[in-house]
Amino acid sequence: MSSFDGSEESLERLVEEYTTPLYYFVFQFVHDRQTAEDIVQDTWIKVWKHKASFDRQRSVKTWIFTIAKNTTFDFLKKKKTLPFSSLQDEEDGYIFDASDEHMLLPDEIFEREESRENIFSAIERLPDLYRALLFLAYHDDFSLGEIASLLGVPYNTIKSRHQRAIKMLREALLSQSASEEESKS
C-alpha cells in the first residue's frame, strides 16, 4: 500500500495502484463505463487539488475512496439517481483464491469458474448497498472498519450489513442452485 507525501511521484504511484479499484468501485454506482472513467479522473484531480488537506495519520486508501465516493454521489445527486440514499441516513468480489488454480485438473478449473460466475451473478442481484459492501470487502480488501470510515457509517452498522449481505448472498446461491437442479430434472 502506497503512501502519499504530496509529490507528483507519489501521486503517480497512487494512480497506478488505485485507478482500477476506483473504477470498479465507482462503476458499482453508475453502471456506465465512460461515466465511471470520468468520475475516477475527477477523483484524481481532487486528490491533487486537496493534497494539502490529507492527514498522514489516516489511510491514504480510505481518503482516496472517500473522495471517489463523494464525487460519485455528487454526480448521482445531479442526476437525481442516488442509489445509496439510505447511507446518508445512518464492501466483482473474488471469494475464491485463484492462486492455486495451476494445481487443479481441467474439470476442477471449470467448476471453479462456474462457481465464480454463479457468485458474481448472485452478487449482481443484491441491492446496491450490499453489493458495494461485498465489493469493497472482497475485491478491494477493505476491512469493515475502513468501509465504515469510507461510508461515514458506524462500524457496528457495517458489521451487521456485512453479515446480512453474506446471508443474502448465501440464500441467493442456494436458490440459484435449487432452480438449476429443478431444471436438470
Protein backbone atom coordinates (compact mmCIF):
# COMPACT_ATOMS: atom_id res chain seq x y z
CA MET A 1 0.00 0.00 0.00
CA SER A 2 1.46 3.30 -1.09
CA SER A 3 1.87 6.42 0.96
CA PHE A 4 1.26 9.97 -0.22
CA ASP A 5 3.64 12.80 0.51
CA GLY A 6 2.08 15.31 -1.91
CA SER A 7 4.71 14.88 -4.62
CA GLU A 8 3.94 14.11 -8.25
CA GLU A 9 5.86 10.84 -7.92
CA SER A 10 3.77 9.64 -5.00
CA LEU A 11 0.60 10.65 -6.86
CA GLU A 12 1.74 8.62 -9.88
CA ARG A 13 2.24 5.59 -7.62
CA LEU A 14 -1.24 6.04 -6.20
CA VAL A 15 -2.74 6.39 -9.67
CA GLU A 16 -1.06 3.14 -10.73
CA GLU A 17 -2.18 1.32 -7.60
CA TYR A 18 -5.74 2.58 -7.22
CA THR A 19 -7.16 3.58 -10.62
CA THR A 20 -8.54 0.13 -11.42
CA PRO A 21 -10.05 -0.49 -7.96
CA LEU A 22 -11.54 3.04 -8.04
CA TYR A 23 -13.06 2.35 -11.45
CA TYR A 24 -14.77 -0.82 -10.22
CA PHE A 25 -15.92 0.94 -7.06
CA VAL A 26 -17.47 3.84 -9.00
CA PHE A 27 -18.93 1.52 -11.63
CA GLN A 28 -20.96 -0.23 -8.89
CA PHE A 29 -22.89 3.04 -8.53
CA VAL A 30 -23.11 4.43 -12.07
CA HIS A 31 -23.24 1.25 -14.21
CA ASP A 32 -21.66 3.09 -17.14
CA ARG A 33 -18.05 2.64 -18.28
CA GLN A 34 -17.46 6.18 -19.58
CA THR A 35 -19.11 7.84 -16.60
CA ALA A 36 -17.05 5.72 -14.20
CA GLU A 37 -13.85 6.66 -16.04
CA ASP A 38 -14.79 10.36 -15.91
CA ILE A 39 -15.53 10.20 -12.18
CA VAL A 40 -12.23 8.44 -11.49
CA GLN A 41 -10.43 11.16 -13.47
CA ASP A 42 -12.26 13.82 -11.44
CA THR A 43 -11.28 11.96 -8.27
CA TRP A 44 -7.58 12.16 -9.15
CA ILE A 45 -7.92 15.87 -9.92
CA LYS A 46 -9.50 16.41 -6.50
CA VAL A 47 -6.81 14.32 -4.80
CA TRP A 48 -4.17 16.58 -6.35
CA LYS A 49 -6.06 19.81 -5.59
CA HIS A 50 -6.66 18.83 -1.97
CA LYS A 51 -3.32 17.15 -1.28
CA ALA A 52 -2.56 19.67 1.46
CA SER A 53 -5.63 18.55 3.40
CA PHE A 54 -4.53 14.90 3.52
CA ASP A 55 -3.94 13.82 7.11
CA ARG A 56 -0.94 11.48 7.05
CA GLN A 57 -2.28 9.76 10.16
CA ARG A 58 -5.19 8.42 8.08
CA SER A 59 -5.19 5.69 5.47
CA VAL A 60 -4.46 7.09 2.01
CA LYS A 61 -6.65 4.35 0.54
CA THR A 62 -9.65 5.40 2.65
CA TRP A 63 -9.04 9.07 1.85
CA ILE A 64 -8.96 8.45 -1.92
CA PHE A 65 -12.02 6.19 -1.88
CA THR A 66 -13.89 8.77 0.22
CA ILE A 67 -13.14 11.40 -2.43
CA ALA A 68 -14.32 8.96 -5.11
CA LYS A 69 -17.49 8.19 -3.15
CA ASN A 70 -18.27 11.89 -2.68
CA THR A 71 -17.55 12.65 -6.34
CA THR A 72 -19.80 9.78 -7.39
CA PHE A 73 -22.60 10.83 -5.05
CA ASP A 74 -22.33 14.43 -6.29
CA PHE A 75 -22.71 13.15 -9.85
CA LEU A 76 -25.69 10.96 -8.90
CA LYS A 77 -27.37 13.77 -6.95
CA LYS A 78 -27.16 15.95 -10.06
CA LYS A 79 -28.82 13.12 -11.97
CA LYS A 80 -31.24 12.52 -9.07
CA THR A 81 -30.48 8.80 -9.07
CA LEU A 82 -28.57 8.26 -5.84
CA PRO A 83 -28.90 4.53 -5.18
CA PHE A 84 -27.45 4.69 -1.67
CA SER A 85 -29.72 7.32 -0.15
CA SER A 86 -30.08 5.07 2.88
CA LEU A 87 -26.36 5.55 3.58
CA GLN A 88 -26.94 9.21 4.21
CA ASP A 89 -29.45 8.23 6.90
CA GLU A 90 -27.43 6.20 9.19
CA GLU A 91 -17.93 -3.90 0.93
CA ASP A 92 -16.88 -8.26 -8.87
CA GLY A 93 -15.71 -9.78 -5.49
CA TYR A 94 -13.27 -12.62 -5.54
CA ILE A 95 -14.34 -15.03 -2.84
CA PHE A 96 -12.19 -17.87 -4.13
CA ASP A 97 -8.41 -17.67 -4.02
CA ALA A 98 -7.18 -18.32 -7.54
CA SER A 99 -3.54 -18.69 -6.52
CA ASP A 100 -3.69 -22.48 -6.53
CA GLU A 101 -5.53 -22.91 -9.85
CA HIS A 102 -2.41 -24.18 -11.59
CA MET A 103 -2.66 -27.29 -9.40
CA LEU A 104 -6.26 -28.09 -10.40
CA LEU A 105 -7.46 -30.51 -13.03
CA PRO A 106 -9.34 -29.04 -16.02
CA ASP A 107 -12.76 -30.13 -14.73
CA GLU A 108 -11.97 -28.58 -11.32
CA ILE A 109 -10.98 -25.32 -13.01
CA PHE A 110 -14.25 -25.38 -14.95
CA GLU A 111 -16.23 -25.98 -11.76
CA ARG A 112 -14.40 -23.17 -10.00
CA GLU A 113 -15.05 -20.80 -12.91
CA GLU A 114 -18.69 -21.83 -12.92
CA SER A 115 -18.85 -21.18 -9.16
CA ARG A 116 -17.31 -17.73 -9.64
CA GLU A 117 -19.85 -16.91 -12.32
CA ASN A 118 -22.66 -18.05 -10.02
CA ILE A 119 -21.28 -15.91 -7.20
CA PHE A 120 -20.92 -12.84 -9.44
CA SER A 121 -24.43 -13.38 -10.76
CA ALA A 122 -25.83 -13.64 -7.23
CA ILE A 123 -23.91 -10.55 -6.10
CA GLU A 124 -25.28 -8.58 -9.05
CA ARG A 125 -28.81 -9.36 -7.90
CA LEU A 126 -28.18 -8.00 -4.39
CA PRO A 127 -29.36 -4.47 -3.55
CA ASP A 128 -26.71 -1.82 -4.31
CA LEU A 129 -25.97 -1.28 -0.62
CA TYR A 130 -24.94 -4.90 -0.05
CA ARG A 131 -23.31 -5.40 -3.44
CA ALA A 132 -21.00 -2.42 -2.88
CA LEU A 133 -20.15 -3.58 0.65
CA LEU A 134 -19.13 -7.05 -0.58
CA PHE A 135 -17.18 -5.46 -3.42
CA LEU A 136 -15.21 -3.25 -1.03
CA ALA A 137 -14.57 -6.10 1.40
CA TYR A 138 -13.62 -8.86 -1.02
CA HIS A 139 -12.40 -7.13 -4.17
CA ASP A 140 -10.61 -4.12 -2.70
CA ASP A 141 -9.65 -5.80 0.59
CA PHE A 142 -11.10 -3.06 2.78
CA SER A 143 -11.56 -4.01 6.40
CA LEU A 144 -15.01 -3.42 7.89
CA GLY A 145 -13.50 -0.52 9.85
CA GLU A 146 -12.17 1.06 6.66
CA ILE A 147 -15.56 0.62 4.98
CA ALA A 148 -17.27 2.28 7.95
CA SER A 149 -14.84 5.19 7.73
CA LEU A 150 -15.21 5.44 3.96
CA LEU A 151 -19.01 5.48 4.04
CA GLY A 152 -19.31 7.53 7.22
CA VAL A 153 -21.38 4.81 8.89
CA PRO A 154 -20.82 3.34 12.38
CA TYR A 155 -18.69 0.20 12.46
CA ASN A 156 -21.45 -1.93 14.02
CA THR A 157 -23.84 -0.89 11.24
CA ILE A 158 -21.31 -2.01 8.63
CA LYS A 159 -20.69 -5.23 10.55
CA SER A 160 -24.41 -6.09 10.62
CA ARG A 161 -24.84 -5.08 6.95
CA HIS A 162 -21.89 -7.30 6.05
CA GLN A 163 -23.44 -10.24 7.89
CA ARG A 164 -26.77 -9.52 6.18
CA ALA A 165 -25.03 -9.31 2.77
CA ILE A 166 -23.33 -12.67 3.31
CA LYS A 167 -26.64 -14.20 4.39
CA MET A 168 -28.41 -12.74 1.33
CA LEU A 169 -25.62 -14.00 -0.93
CA ARG A 170 -25.79 -17.47 0.61
CA GLU A 171 -29.59 -17.55 0.16
CA ALA A 172 -29.30 -16.35 -3.45
CA LEU A 173 -26.73 -19.04 -4.22
CA LEU A 174 -28.86 -21.75 -2.58
CA SER A 175 -31.92 -20.58 -4.50
CA GLN A 176 -29.93 -20.47 -7.74
CA SER A 177 -28.59 -23.97 -7.08
CA ALA A 178 -32.07 -25.32 -6.33
CA SER A 179 -33.52 -23.84 -9.53
CA GLU A 180 -30.63 -25.30 -11.55
CA GLU A 181 -31.31 -28.73 -10.02
CA GLU A 182 -35.01 -28.43 -10.90
CA SER A 183 -34.22 -27.51 -14.50
CA LYS A 184 -31.95 -30.57 -14.83
CA SER A 185 -34.71 -32.97 -13.77
